[in-house]
Amino acid sequence: MRILLVEDEKFLADPLVAILKKNKYVVDHVSDGESGLDYALSEIYDVILLDIMLPGMNGLEILKEFRKVNKTTPVIMLTARGEVPDRITGLDSGADDYMPKPFNTDELLARIRAVGRRKSEIVSENGILTFGDITLCMPLLRLSTGCADVSLTLRESEMMEYLIHNSSIILSKERILEKLWGFDSEAEDNHVEVYISFLRKKLAHIGSGVSIVTIRGAGYRLCSKD
C-alpha cells in the first residue's frame, strides 16, 4: 500500500514516516499545500494523510480540489484543530476519517487499515485478493491456483496487487514506476520490465490461465482466460 503524507511539521512527519515504513507501507512525504495537491492528483496512492494547517493551500482546500477528480481514495485528516465543528467541516469536505493531534500511532495504523479495506471490495480483511484462477495472499507473499503455489518477493507482490486492482485498465510503465518506486526514485522502465518478466514466469510455474498482456506503446494489463 502506498501512502501520501502531507505534513509540514518535521518533528511529527519524520517519525511518522519511519513508523509507516516499519509497517511495510510505501510512503511519500511533502510539506506544503501545492505539492500535496500535485502528488494527490497523480492518483497513485491508496491512502492520503492530510494535515489542515499547511503553507500555501490548506488541507481543506486540497481536499476540495482533490475530490473534484477523485471520489474514492481515502483521506484521513491530521490536525490540532480537534473541536467538533472542525471535524464536521473536514468530513463534509470529503474526508473519510479525522485524527486530532496528538494521536496514538497504533490507532492511526488501525484507521489506515480500516479505510484501506473500504477502498476496494476486492480485498478481504485478511489480505487475500483473487483474479481469474489466482489467489494472492499479501501477508504471506504467496501466489496460488487451486493446485499449485509459489512465493513472491515483496516487490512482486506489490506489483501483482496493483495489476489486480487495475485489471480494467492499461497501466503504463511510468504509472507503475510512480506507484511502486515513488516519484523520487532512480528506477527506470527496465525495472518494470524485469518484474513483469518475473511475474509471468511465476504465473506459468503455477499453471495459471491469468496472463500479463503487453499493449504495445501503452503498457500492461492483467487478463484471464475465464
Protein backbone atom coordinates (compact mmCIF):
# COMPACT_ATOMS: atom_id res chain seq x y z
CA MET A 1 0.00 0.00 0.00
CA ARG A 2 1.30 3.46 -0.91
CA ILE A 3 0.57 6.37 1.41
CA LEU A 4 0.93 10.11 0.83
CA LEU A 5 1.71 12.15 3.95
CA VAL A 6 1.13 15.90 3.63
CA GLU A 7 2.52 17.39 6.84
CA ASP A 8 4.72 20.46 7.39
CA GLU A 9 5.77 19.76 10.99
CA LYS A 10 9.07 17.92 10.62
CA PHE A 11 9.15 16.70 14.23
CA LEU A 12 5.89 14.84 13.53
CA ALA A 13 6.46 13.86 9.89
CA ASP A 14 9.87 12.21 10.24
CA PRO A 15 8.96 9.69 12.97
CA LEU A 16 5.58 9.03 11.31
CA VAL A 17 7.26 8.20 8.02
CA ALA A 18 9.62 5.85 9.86
CA ILE A 19 6.71 4.10 11.62
CA LEU A 20 4.76 3.68 8.39
CA LYS A 21 7.78 2.24 6.59
CA LYS A 22 8.42 -0.12 9.50
CA ASN A 23 4.87 -1.38 8.98
CA LYS A 24 5.65 -2.15 5.31
CA TYR A 25 3.92 0.88 3.78
CA VAL A 26 5.49 2.81 0.91
CA VAL A 27 5.42 6.49 1.89
CA ASP A 28 5.86 9.78 0.04
CA HIS A 29 6.06 12.90 2.19
CA VAL A 30 5.55 16.52 1.16
CA SER A 31 5.37 19.55 3.42
CA ASP A 32 3.40 22.23 1.56
CA GLY A 33 -0.09 22.52 0.15
CA GLU A 34 0.70 22.93 -3.54
CA SER A 35 2.98 19.89 -3.60
CA GLY A 36 0.39 17.94 -1.62
CA LEU A 37 -2.27 18.60 -4.24
CA ASP A 38 0.10 17.77 -7.12
CA TYR A 39 1.07 14.45 -5.55
CA ALA A 40 -2.51 13.59 -4.63
CA LEU A 41 -3.72 14.25 -8.17
CA SER A 42 -1.32 11.62 -9.50
CA GLU A 43 -3.89 9.12 -8.12
CA ILE A 44 -1.23 6.53 -7.28
CA TYR A 45 -1.96 6.49 -3.54
CA ASP A 46 -4.11 4.08 -1.55
CA VAL A 47 -4.49 6.39 1.45
CA ILE A 48 -3.71 10.09 1.98
CA LEU A 49 -2.82 11.54 5.41
CA LEU A 50 -3.53 15.25 5.17
CA ASP A 51 -2.76 18.00 7.67
CA ILE A 52 -5.07 21.03 7.68
CA MET A 53 -2.63 23.80 8.60
CA LEU A 54 -0.14 23.90 5.72
CA PRO A 55 1.90 26.59 3.97
CA GLY A 56 0.23 27.67 0.75
CA MET A 57 -3.03 25.79 0.28
CA ASN A 58 -4.51 24.42 3.47
CA GLY A 59 -5.68 20.85 3.81
CA LEU A 60 -9.36 21.63 3.31
CA GLU A 61 -8.61 23.46 0.05
CA ILE A 62 -6.51 20.50 -1.13
CA LEU A 63 -9.28 18.07 -0.21
CA LYS A 64 -11.97 20.01 -2.06
CA GLU A 65 -9.86 20.22 -5.25
CA PHE A 66 -8.87 16.56 -4.99
CA ARG A 67 -12.44 15.36 -4.55
CA LYS A 68 -13.44 17.09 -7.79
CA VAL A 69 -11.47 14.44 -9.71
CA ASN A 70 -11.13 11.55 -7.25
CA LYS A 71 -14.09 10.35 -5.23
CA THR A 72 -12.72 7.13 -3.79
CA THR A 73 -9.17 7.39 -2.40
CA PRO A 74 -9.45 7.53 1.42
CA VAL A 75 -8.25 10.72 3.11
CA ILE A 76 -7.52 10.92 6.83
CA MET A 77 -7.23 14.46 8.16
CA LEU A 78 -4.48 15.14 10.73
CA THR A 79 -4.90 18.34 12.69
CA ALA A 80 -4.51 20.05 16.03
CA ARG A 81 -7.96 21.54 15.49
CA GLY A 82 -9.97 18.76 17.07
CA GLU A 83 -13.20 20.52 18.06
CA VAL A 84 -16.44 19.00 16.82
CA PRO A 85 -17.22 21.83 14.32
CA ASP A 86 -13.74 21.39 12.80
CA ARG A 87 -14.28 17.65 12.43
CA ILE A 88 -17.65 18.22 10.80
CA THR A 89 -16.09 20.67 8.33
CA GLY A 90 -13.40 18.14 7.41
CA LEU A 91 -15.82 15.26 6.97
CA ASP A 92 -18.25 17.39 4.98
CA SER A 93 -15.37 18.43 2.70
CA GLY A 94 -14.75 14.80 1.73
CA ALA A 95 -12.51 13.35 4.45
CA ASP A 96 -13.02 9.69 5.37
CA ASP A 97 -11.66 9.99 8.89
CA TYR A 98 -10.25 12.57 11.28
CA MET A 99 -7.31 12.27 13.73
CA PRO A 100 -6.79 15.19 16.14
CA LYS A 101 -3.19 15.78 17.24
CA PRO A 102 -1.55 14.43 19.29
CA PHE A 103 -2.65 10.95 18.25
CA ASN A 104 -1.68 7.40 19.11
CA THR A 105 0.23 5.86 16.20
CA ASP A 106 -1.29 2.41 16.80
CA GLU A 107 -4.74 3.95 16.42
CA LEU A 108 -3.66 5.74 13.25
CA LEU A 109 -2.35 2.47 11.80
CA ALA A 110 -5.68 0.80 12.63
CA ARG A 111 -7.57 3.59 10.89
CA ILE A 112 -5.32 3.33 7.83
CA ARG A 113 -6.11 -0.39 7.65
CA ALA A 114 -9.81 0.33 8.06
CA VAL A 115 -10.10 2.93 5.29
CA GLY A 116 -7.82 0.81 3.10
CA ARG A 117 -10.23 -2.11 3.40
CA ARG A 118 -13.16 0.09 2.50
CA LYS A 119 -11.43 1.39 -0.62
CA SER A 120 -11.97 -1.77 -2.62
CA GLU A 121 -14.32 -4.68 -2.15
CA ILE A 122 -11.75 -6.86 -3.90
CA VAL A 123 -9.65 -7.01 -0.72
CA SER A 124 -10.80 -9.19 2.13
CA GLU A 125 -9.98 -8.49 5.77
CA ASN A 126 -7.12 -10.99 5.81
CA GLY A 127 -5.33 -9.52 2.79
CA ILE A 128 -6.44 -12.01 0.14
CA LEU A 129 -7.03 -10.92 -3.45
CA THR A 130 -8.42 -13.05 -6.25
CA PHE A 131 -8.45 -12.66 -10.01
CA GLY A 132 -9.33 -15.37 -12.50
CA ASP A 133 -7.85 -18.60 -11.16
CA ILE A 134 -5.20 -16.96 -8.96
CA THR A 135 -5.18 -16.01 -5.30
CA LEU A 136 -2.69 -13.52 -3.92
CA CYS A 137 -2.04 -13.76 -0.19
CA MET A 138 -0.30 -10.49 0.59
CA PRO A 139 0.65 -11.19 4.24
CA LEU A 140 2.41 -14.45 3.24
CA LEU A 141 3.68 -13.24 -0.16
CA ARG A 142 2.17 -16.30 -1.87
CA LEU A 143 0.55 -16.59 -5.30
CA SER A 144 -1.53 -19.69 -5.93
CA THR A 145 -4.03 -21.52 -8.09
CA GLY A 146 -6.13 -24.46 -6.94
CA CYS A 147 -3.29 -26.91 -7.50
CA ALA A 148 0.00 -25.03 -7.07
CA ASP A 149 1.55 -22.03 -5.36
CA VAL A 150 4.75 -20.01 -5.46
CA SER A 151 6.44 -17.48 -3.19
CA LEU A 152 6.81 -13.83 -4.24
CA THR A 153 9.19 -11.09 -3.23
CA LEU A 154 7.62 -8.02 -1.62
CA ARG A 155 8.02 -6.04 -4.85
CA GLU A 156 6.46 -8.82 -6.92
CA SER A 157 3.53 -8.98 -4.51
CA GLU A 158 3.05 -5.21 -4.68
CA MET A 159 3.09 -5.29 -8.48
CA MET A 160 0.62 -8.16 -8.67
CA GLU A 161 -1.64 -6.38 -6.19
CA TYR A 162 -1.53 -3.23 -8.36
CA LEU A 163 -2.28 -5.20 -11.53
CA ILE A 164 -5.24 -6.94 -9.89
CA HIS A 165 -6.69 -3.70 -8.56
CA ASN A 166 -6.41 -2.10 -12.00
CA SER A 167 -7.27 -5.06 -14.23
CA SER A 168 -9.91 -3.00 -16.04
CA ILE A 169 -7.36 -0.52 -17.42
CA ILE A 170 -3.95 -0.43 -19.11
CA LEU A 171 -1.12 0.54 -16.76
CA SER A 172 1.78 2.41 -18.30
CA LYS A 173 5.36 1.77 -17.20
CA GLU A 174 5.51 5.33 -15.87
CA ARG A 175 2.46 4.85 -13.71
CA ILE A 176 3.77 1.56 -12.33
CA LEU A 177 7.13 3.18 -11.56
CA GLU A 178 5.47 6.06 -9.71
CA LYS A 179 3.21 3.71 -7.78
CA LEU A 180 5.79 1.11 -6.69
CA TRP A 181 9.08 3.03 -6.64
CA GLY A 182 7.91 6.62 -5.99
CA PHE A 183 8.44 9.96 -7.67
CA ASP A 184 12.00 10.46 -6.41
CA SER A 185 13.28 7.00 -7.30
CA GLU A 186 16.04 6.48 -9.81
CA ALA A 187 14.32 3.31 -11.06
CA GLU A 188 13.82 3.16 -14.83
CA ASP A 189 11.49 1.42 -17.27
CA ASN A 190 13.61 -1.73 -17.31
CA HIS A 191 12.85 -2.25 -13.61
CA VAL A 192 9.19 -2.66 -14.55
CA GLU A 193 10.07 -4.98 -17.43
CA VAL A 194 12.18 -7.19 -15.16
CA TYR A 195 9.43 -7.63 -12.56
CA ILE A 196 6.77 -8.20 -15.21
CA SER A 197 9.01 -10.98 -16.55
CA PHE A 198 9.37 -12.47 -13.05
CA LEU A 199 5.60 -12.49 -12.55
CA ARG A 200 4.95 -14.05 -15.95
CA LYS A 201 7.33 -16.89 -15.13
CA LYS A 202 5.66 -17.47 -11.78
CA LEU A 203 2.18 -17.44 -13.33
CA ALA A 204 3.39 -20.06 -15.81
CA HIS A 205 5.00 -22.06 -13.00
CA ILE A 206 1.68 -22.47 -11.18
CA GLY A 207 -0.18 -23.20 -14.42
CA SER A 208 -2.42 -20.16 -14.25
CA GLY A 209 -4.76 -19.02 -17.00
CA VAL A 210 -4.01 -15.42 -15.97
CA SER A 211 -1.54 -13.51 -18.13
CA ILE A 212 0.09 -10.08 -18.15
CA VAL A 213 -0.53 -8.74 -21.64
CA THR A 214 1.71 -6.09 -23.20
CA ILE A 215 -0.27 -3.39 -25.01
CA ARG A 216 2.26 -2.01 -27.47
CA GLY A 217 3.04 1.64 -26.81
CA ALA A 218 0.65 1.80 -23.84
CA GLY A 219 1.63 -0.57 -21.05
CA TYR A 220 0.35 -3.72 -19.37
CA ARG A 221 -2.96 -5.27 -18.46
CA LEU A 222 -3.87 -8.33 -16.42
CA CYS A 223 -6.13 -10.74 -18.32
CA SER A 224 -7.78 -14.07 -17.57
CA LYS A 225 -8.95 -16.88 -19.86
CA ASP A 226 -12.01 -17.37 -17.63
